[in-house]
Amino acid sequence: MFKSLWVTVALCLLLAAPAVAVTSNYSLVVNGTQVYTDVSPVVEGSKVLVPLRAVAEATGASVQYVDSERELIISKPGLEVKLWVDNYSGFKNGTPIVLTSPPKIVNDRTLVTRELLTQIMDVKAHLNVKANSIEVR
């Protein structure tokens, strides 16, 4: 009986593990300069999530968050993006877009995948495993 209970508990933990977001030790580098943030990139399953505001501001954009709507507005000359937390739809320069993955809130910060950064901000985001960093250009 004890052995079957132990096996059941172990199986439950293994199945639940991929759903858990884990803070990584990845640094964030934007245009060759390390960006220090109060929240680190997060590994969630096979995806790496990065803090949107830190990347956007490091590329010269401003970010507004409308709490009542859970809306994000990213603006810089030639770019205006509107997104909503946990929503796969948005607007880029007034054109509707379908997101590869939705923005999410982790530790009171909005995080997005590297792929979403590329989609909405016209940047390249690369995971450099050797340097243990997320590099955005």
C-alpha atoms as a PDB file:
ATOM      1  CA  MET A   1       0.000   0.000   0.000  1.00  0.00           C
ATOM      2  CA  PHE A   2       2.766   2.427   0.962  1.00  0.00           C
ATOM      3  CA  LYS A   3       4.634   1.687  -2.263  1.00  0.00           C
ATOM      4  CA  SER A   4       1.581   2.365  -4.471  1.00  0.00           C
ATOM      5  CA  LEU A   5       0.904   5.622  -2.607  1.00  0.00           C
ATOM      6  CA  TRP A   6       4.517   6.691  -3.117  1.00  0.00           C
ATOM      7  CA  VAL A   7       4.349   5.858  -6.831  1.00  0.00           C
ATOM      8  CA  THR A   8       1.099   7.845  -7.178  1.00  0.00           C
ATOM      9  CA  VAL A   9       2.582  10.896  -5.441  1.00  0.00           C
ATOM     10  CA  ALA A  10       5.741  10.743  -7.569  1.00  0.00           C
ATOM     11  CA  LEU A  11       3.688  10.438 -10.762  1.00  0.00           C
ATOM     12  CA  CYS A  12       1.552  13.447  -9.801  1.00  0.00           C
ATOM     13  CA  LEU A  13       4.658  15.544  -9.170  1.00  0.00           C
ATOM     14  CA  LEU A  14       6.194  14.568 -12.499  1.00  0.00           C
ATOM     15  CA  LEU A  15       3.037  15.429 -14.404  1.00  0.00           C
ATOM     16  CA  ALA A  16       2.621  18.771 -12.639  1.00  0.00           C
ATOM     17  CA  ALA A  17       6.245  19.876 -13.074  1.00  0.00           C
ATOM     18  CA  PRO A  18       6.015  21.150 -16.681  1.00  0.00           C
ATOM     19  CA  ALA A  19       3.209  23.559 -15.733  1.00  0.00           C
ATOM     20  CA  VAL A  20       5.316  25.285 -13.098  1.00  0.00           C
ATOM     21  CA  ALA A  21       7.057  28.544 -14.013  1.00  0.00           C
ATOM     22  CA  VAL A  22      10.653  28.587 -12.831  1.00  0.00           C
ATOM     23  CA  THR A  23      12.766  31.708 -12.517  1.00  0.00           C
ATOM     24  CA  SER A  24      15.858  31.266 -14.626  1.00  0.00           C
ATOM     25  CA  ASN A  25      19.401  32.478 -14.260  1.00  0.00           C
ATOM     26  CA  TYR A  26      19.315  33.974 -17.747  1.00  0.00           C
ATOM     27  CA  SER A  27      20.462  37.543 -18.080  1.00  0.00           C
ATOM     28  CA  LEU A  28      18.695  39.934 -20.441  1.00  0.00           C
ATOM     29  CA  VAL A  29      20.815  41.687 -23.082  1.00  0.00           C
ATOM     30  CA  VAL A  30      19.258  44.279 -25.402  1.00  0.00           C
ATOM     31  CA  ASN A  31      21.327  45.688 -28.279  1.00  0.00           C
ATOM     32  CA  GLY A  32      24.525  44.479 -26.620  1.00  0.00           C
ATOM     33  CA  THR A  33      23.802  46.044 -23.211  1.00  0.00           C
ATOM     34  CA  GLN A  34      22.773  44.015 -20.184  1.00  0.00           C
ATOM     35  CA  VAL A  35      19.391  45.137 -18.841  1.00  0.00           C
ATOM     36  CA  TYR A  36      18.813  44.757 -15.121  1.00  0.00           C
ATOM     37  CA  THR A  37      15.227  44.065 -14.111  1.00  0.00           C
ATOM     38  CA  ASP A  38      13.407  43.318 -10.892  1.00  0.00           C
ATOM     39  CA  VAL A  39      12.083  40.098 -12.418  1.00  0.00           C
ATOM     40  CA  SER A  40      14.265  37.585 -14.223  1.00  0.00           C
ATOM     41  CA  PRO A  41      13.303  35.739 -17.376  1.00  0.00           C
ATOM     42  CA  VAL A  42      11.146  32.718 -16.544  1.00  0.00           C
ATOM     43  CA  VAL A  43      11.285  29.204 -17.996  1.00  0.00           C
ATOM     44  CA  GLU A  44       7.824  27.730 -18.474  1.00  0.00           C
ATOM     45  CA  GLY A  45       7.930  24.305 -20.048  1.00  0.00           C
ATOM     46  CA  SER A  46       9.877  24.761 -23.278  1.00  0.00           C
ATOM     47  CA  LYS A  47       9.311  28.537 -23.432  1.00  0.00           C
ATOM     48  CA  VAL A  48      11.370  31.365 -22.014  1.00  0.00           C
ATOM     49  CA  LEU A  49       9.349  34.402 -20.920  1.00  0.00           C
ATOM     50  CA  VAL A  50      10.955  37.840 -20.667  1.00  0.00           C
ATOM     51  CA  PRO A  51       9.772  41.054 -18.984  1.00  0.00           C
ATOM     52  CA  LEU A  52       8.042  43.098 -21.697  1.00  0.00           C
ATOM     53  CA  ARG A  53       8.507  46.554 -20.177  1.00  0.00           C
ATOM     54  CA  ALA A  54      12.262  46.086 -19.699  1.00  0.00           C
ATOM     55  CA  VAL A  55      12.792  45.055 -23.314  1.00  0.00           C
ATOM     56  CA  ALA A  56      10.430  47.665 -24.757  1.00  0.00           C
ATOM     57  CA  GLU A  57      11.958  50.545 -22.813  1.00  0.00           C
ATOM     58  CA  ALA A  58      15.492  49.384 -23.646  1.00  0.00           C
ATOM     59  CA  THR A  59      14.565  49.622 -27.342  1.00  0.00           C
ATOM     60  CA  GLY A  60      13.187  53.150 -26.935  1.00  0.00           C
ATOM     61  CA  ALA A  61       9.490  52.317 -26.607  1.00  0.00           C
ATOM     62  CA  SER A  62       7.118  53.399 -23.875  1.00  0.00           C
ATOM     63  CA  VAL A  63       4.724  50.998 -22.192  1.00  0.00           C
ATOM     64  CA  GLN A  64       1.391  51.777 -20.595  1.00  0.00           C
ATOM     65  CA  TYR A  65      -0.682  49.285 -18.627  1.00  0.00           C
ATOM     66  CA  VAL A  66      -4.407  49.869 -18.233  1.00  0.00           C
ATOM     67  CA  ASP A  67      -5.229  47.763 -15.192  1.00  0.00           C
ATOM     68  CA  SER A  68      -9.021  47.839 -15.576  1.00  0.00           C
ATOM     69  CA  GLU A  69      -8.749  46.380 -19.101  1.00  0.00           C
ATOM     70  CA  ARG A  70      -5.551  44.366 -18.544  1.00  0.00           C
ATOM     71  CA  GLU A  71      -4.353  46.172 -21.677  1.00  0.00           C
ATOM     72  CA  LEU A  72      -0.771  46.881 -22.722  1.00  0.00           C
ATOM     73  CA  ILE A  73       0.087  49.717 -25.078  1.00  0.00           C
ATOM     74  CA  ILE A  74       3.614  49.773 -26.499  1.00  0.00           C
ATOM     75  CA  SER A  75       4.536  52.916 -28.447  1.00  0.00           C
ATOM     76  CA  LYS A  76       7.522  54.332 -30.271  1.00  0.00           C
ATOM     77  CA  PRO A  77       7.871  56.182 -33.559  1.00  0.00           C
ATOM     78  CA  GLY A  78       6.471  53.936 -36.291  1.00  0.00           C
ATOM     79  CA  LEU A  79       5.065  51.349 -33.871  1.00  0.00           C
ATOM     80  CA  GLU A  80       1.951  51.103 -31.731  1.00  0.00           C
ATOM     81  CA  VAL A  81       0.963  47.746 -30.285  1.00  0.00           C
ATOM     82  CA  LYS A  82      -2.094  46.950 -28.174  1.00  0.00           C
ATOM     83  CA  LEU A  83      -2.262  43.656 -26.311  1.00  0.00           C
ATOM     84  CA  TRP A  84      -4.334  42.166 -23.523  1.00  0.00           C
ATOM     85  CA  VAL A  85      -3.083  39.809 -20.821  1.00  0.00           C
ATOM     86  CA  ASP A  86      -4.021  36.159 -21.456  1.00  0.00           C
ATOM     87  CA  ASN A  87      -5.525  37.057 -24.852  1.00  0.00           C
ATOM     88  CA  TYR A  88      -4.319  35.795 -28.240  1.00  0.00           C
ATOM     89  CA  SER A  89      -5.511  38.869 -30.152  1.00  0.00           C
ATOM     90  CA  GLY A  90      -3.993  42.310 -30.442  1.00  0.00           C
ATOM     91  CA  PHE A  91      -3.307  45.202 -32.787  1.00  0.00           C
ATOM     92  CA  LYS A  92      -0.058  46.270 -34.407  1.00  0.00           C
ATOM     93  CA  ASN A  93      -0.143  49.692 -36.037  1.00  0.00           C
ATOM     94  CA  GLY A  94      -3.941  49.438 -36.176  1.00  0.00           C
ATOM     95  CA  THR A  95      -3.971  46.041 -37.889  1.00  0.00           C
ATOM     96  CA  PRO A  96      -5.456  43.060 -36.003  1.00  0.00           C
ATOM     97  CA  ILE A  97      -2.933  40.325 -35.224  1.00  0.00           C
ATOM     98  CA  VAL A  98      -3.174  36.829 -33.764  1.00  0.00           C
ATOM     99  CA  LEU A  99      -0.430  36.283 -31.191  1.00  0.00           C
ATOM    100  CA  THR A 100       1.800  33.231 -31.076  1.00  0.00           C
ATOM    101  CA  SER A 101       1.242  33.203 -27.301  1.00  0.00           C
ATOM    102  CA  PRO A 102      -0.496  35.668 -24.987  1.00  0.00           C
ATOM    103  CA  PRO A 103       1.203  37.995 -22.502  1.00  0.00           C
ATOM    104  CA  LYS A 104       0.957  36.754 -18.918  1.00  0.00           C
ATOM    105  CA  ILE A 105       1.390  38.189 -15.471  1.00  0.00           C
ATOM    106  CA  VAL A 106       4.088  36.561 -13.317  1.00  0.00           C
ATOM    107  CA  ASN A 107       5.093  38.143 -10.004  1.00  0.00           C
ATOM    108  CA  ASP A 108       3.175  41.351 -10.878  1.00  0.00           C
ATOM    109  CA  ARG A 109       5.090  41.793 -14.143  1.00  0.00           C
ATOM    110  CA  THR A 110       3.987  41.220 -17.727  1.00  0.00           C
ATOM    111  CA  LEU A 111       6.068  38.557 -19.404  1.00  0.00           C
ATOM    112  CA  VAL A 112       6.061  37.484 -23.043  1.00  0.00           C
ATOM    113  CA  THR A 113       7.799  34.777 -25.034  1.00  0.00           C
ATOM    114  CA  ARG A 114      10.781  35.491 -27.241  1.00  0.00           C
ATOM    115  CA  GLU A 115       8.614  34.650 -30.239  1.00  0.00           C
ATOM    116  CA  LEU A 116       6.009  37.215 -29.248  1.00  0.00           C
ATOM    117  CA  LEU A 117       8.692  39.899 -28.897  1.00  0.00           C
ATOM    118  CA  THR A 118       9.749  39.190 -32.459  1.00  0.00           C
ATOM    119  CA  GLN A 119       6.143  39.316 -33.654  1.00  0.00           C
ATOM    120  CA  ILE A 120       5.113  42.581 -32.000  1.00  0.00           C
ATOM    121  CA  MET A 121       8.299  44.646 -31.824  1.00  0.00           C
ATOM    122  CA  ASP A 122      10.199  43.648 -34.970  1.00  0.00           C
ATOM    123  CA  VAL A 123      13.221  42.537 -32.954  1.00  0.00           C
ATOM    124  CA  LYS A 124      15.164  39.295 -32.912  1.00  0.00           C
ATOM    125  CA  ALA A 125      15.239  37.526 -29.553  1.00  0.00           C
ATOM    126  CA  HIS A 126      17.754  34.709 -29.215  1.00  0.00           C
ATOM    127  CA  LEU A 127      18.396  32.294 -26.367  1.00  0.00           C
ATOM    128  CA  ASN A 128      22.165  32.011 -25.926  1.00  0.00           C
ATOM    129  CA  VAL A 129      22.569  28.897 -23.804  1.00  0.00           C
ATOM    130  CA  LYS A 130      26.368  29.192 -23.627  1.00  0.00           C
ATOM    131  CA  ALA A 131      26.215  32.763 -22.296  1.00  0.00           C
ATOM    132  CA  ASN A 132      23.104  31.988 -20.226  1.00  0.00           C
ATOM    133  CA  SER A 133      21.324  34.997 -21.696  1.00  0.00           C
ATOM    134  CA  ILE A 134      18.385  36.181 -23.751  1.00  0.00           C
ATOM    135  CA  GLU A 135      19.765  38.478 -26.442  1.00  0.00           C
ATOM    136  CA  VAL A 136      17.461  40.977 -28.147  1.00  0.00           C
ATOM    137  CA  ARG A 137      18.491  43.013 -31.195  1.00  0.00           C
END
